Amino acid sequence: TWLDMSTWGKGVAFVNGFNLGRYWKEGPTKTVLPARTAASGGR
C-alpha cells in the first residue's frame, strides 16, 4: 500500500486510524509506504 501525494497540498495522512504523518507538497517526499503495513505483508 502506498499514497501518491504529488497533487496534495499540506496536511496529515491517516489510514484506518493510524497516523502516517504530515505531508507538504514543497518537501522531497511524494509517496509514503507505512512500515507497519509493509512488515505485516503489505495488506
N, C-alpha and C. Protein backbone atom coordinates (compact mmCIF):
# COMPACT_ATOMS: atom_id res chain seq x y z
N THR A 1 0.84 -1.18 0.00
CA THR A 1 0.00 0.00 0.00
C THR A 1 0.88 1.24 0.00
N TRP A 2 0.52 2.23 -0.80
CA TRP A 2 1.26 3.49 -0.82
C TRP A 2 0.31 4.62 -1.15
N LEU A 3 0.72 5.82 -0.83
CA LEU A 3 -0.06 7.02 -1.12
C LEU A 3 0.74 7.92 -2.04
N ASP A 4 0.13 8.35 -3.13
CA ASP A 4 0.75 9.31 -4.04
C ASP A 4 0.24 10.69 -3.63
N MET A 5 1.12 11.49 -3.05
CA MET A 5 0.72 12.80 -2.55
C MET A 5 1.19 13.93 -3.45
N SER A 6 1.50 13.64 -4.71
CA SER A 6 2.05 14.65 -5.62
C SER A 6 1.06 15.78 -5.92
N THR A 7 -0.24 15.52 -5.81
CA THR A 7 -1.23 16.56 -6.09
C THR A 7 -1.88 17.11 -4.82
N TRP A 8 -1.44 16.65 -3.66
CA TRP A 8 -1.99 17.12 -2.40
C TRP A 8 -1.25 18.37 -1.96
N GLY A 9 -1.87 19.16 -1.12
CA GLY A 9 -1.25 20.39 -0.62
C GLY A 9 -0.45 20.16 0.65
N LYS A 10 -1.11 20.35 1.77
CA LYS A 10 -0.45 20.25 3.07
C LYS A 10 -1.43 19.66 4.06
N GLY A 11 -0.98 18.73 4.89
CA GLY A 11 -1.89 18.14 5.87
C GLY A 11 -1.28 16.95 6.59
N VAL A 12 -2.18 16.09 7.09
CA VAL A 12 -1.79 14.89 7.84
C VAL A 12 -2.51 13.71 7.20
N ALA A 13 -1.81 12.59 7.03
CA ALA A 13 -2.40 11.39 6.42
C ALA A 13 -2.69 10.34 7.49
N PHE A 14 -3.92 9.82 7.49
CA PHE A 14 -4.33 8.73 8.37
C PHE A 14 -4.85 7.59 7.50
N VAL A 15 -4.52 6.35 7.87
CA VAL A 15 -5.07 5.17 7.20
C VAL A 15 -5.58 4.24 8.30
N ASN A 16 -6.87 3.96 8.27
CA ASN A 16 -7.51 3.10 9.28
C ASN A 16 -7.18 3.55 10.70
N GLY A 17 -7.17 4.84 10.95
CA GLY A 17 -6.90 5.38 12.27
C GLY A 17 -5.43 5.45 12.64
N PHE A 18 -4.54 5.01 11.76
CA PHE A 18 -3.10 5.05 12.02
C PHE A 18 -2.51 6.30 11.39
N ASN A 19 -1.86 7.12 12.19
CA ASN A 19 -1.27 8.37 11.70
C ASN A 19 0.02 8.08 10.94
N LEU A 20 0.02 8.35 9.63
CA LEU A 20 1.22 8.16 8.82
C LEU A 20 2.17 9.34 8.92
N GLY A 21 1.64 10.49 9.27
CA GLY A 21 2.47 11.67 9.44
C GLY A 21 2.00 12.83 8.58
N ARG A 22 2.77 13.91 8.65
CA ARG A 22 2.44 15.13 7.91
C ARG A 22 3.03 15.09 6.51
N TYR A 23 2.43 15.84 5.61
CA TYR A 23 2.96 15.97 4.25
C TYR A 23 2.82 17.41 3.80
N TRP A 24 3.65 17.78 2.85
CA TRP A 24 3.61 19.11 2.27
C TRP A 24 4.19 19.00 0.88
N LYS A 25 3.52 19.59 -0.11
CA LYS A 25 3.96 19.44 -1.49
C LYS A 25 5.33 20.04 -1.76
N GLU A 26 5.83 20.91 -0.88
CA GLU A 26 7.15 21.52 -1.05
C GLU A 26 8.29 20.58 -0.68
N GLY A 27 7.99 19.52 0.05
CA GLY A 27 9.04 18.61 0.51
C GLY A 27 9.46 17.62 -0.56
N PRO A 28 10.53 16.87 -0.30
CA PRO A 28 11.02 15.89 -1.27
C PRO A 28 10.17 14.63 -1.32
N THR A 29 9.39 14.34 -0.28
CA THR A 29 8.62 13.10 -0.22
C THR A 29 7.32 13.24 -1.00
N LYS A 30 7.10 12.35 -1.96
CA LYS A 30 5.86 12.37 -2.75
C LYS A 30 5.02 11.13 -2.48
N THR A 31 5.61 10.07 -1.92
CA THR A 31 4.87 8.86 -1.59
C THR A 31 5.22 8.40 -0.19
N VAL A 32 4.30 7.68 0.43
CA VAL A 32 4.52 7.15 1.78
C VAL A 32 4.21 5.66 1.76
N LEU A 33 5.12 4.87 2.30
CA LEU A 33 4.91 3.44 2.48
C LEU A 33 4.95 3.16 3.97
N PRO A 34 3.81 2.89 4.58
CA PRO A 34 3.79 2.65 6.02
C PRO A 34 4.61 1.41 6.38
N ALA A 35 5.59 1.56 7.24
CA ALA A 35 6.47 0.45 7.62
C ALA A 35 5.68 -0.68 8.28
N ARG A 36 4.72 -0.34 9.11
CA ARG A 36 3.93 -1.36 9.80
C ARG A 36 3.15 -2.21 8.80
N THR A 37 2.62 -1.60 7.76
CA THR A 37 1.89 -2.34 6.73
C THR A 37 2.83 -3.21 5.92
N ALA A 38 3.98 -2.68 5.55
CA ALA A 38 4.94 -3.44 4.76
C ALA A 38 5.45 -4.64 5.55
N ALA A 39 5.67 -4.47 6.84
CA ALA A 39 6.19 -5.55 7.67
C ALA A 39 5.16 -6.65 7.89
N SER A 40 3.87 -6.31 7.80
CA SER A 40 2.84 -7.31 8.05
C SER A 40 2.33 -7.98 6.78
N GLY A 41 3.03 -7.82 5.68
CA GLY A 41 2.64 -8.50 4.46
C GLY A 41 2.07 -7.60 3.39
N GLY A 42 2.05 -6.30 3.60
CA GLY A 42 1.62 -5.35 2.58
C GLY A 42 0.14 -5.39 2.28
N ARG A 43 -0.69 -5.54 3.30
CA ARG A 43 -2.13 -5.58 3.07
C ARG A 43 -2.63 -4.30 2.52
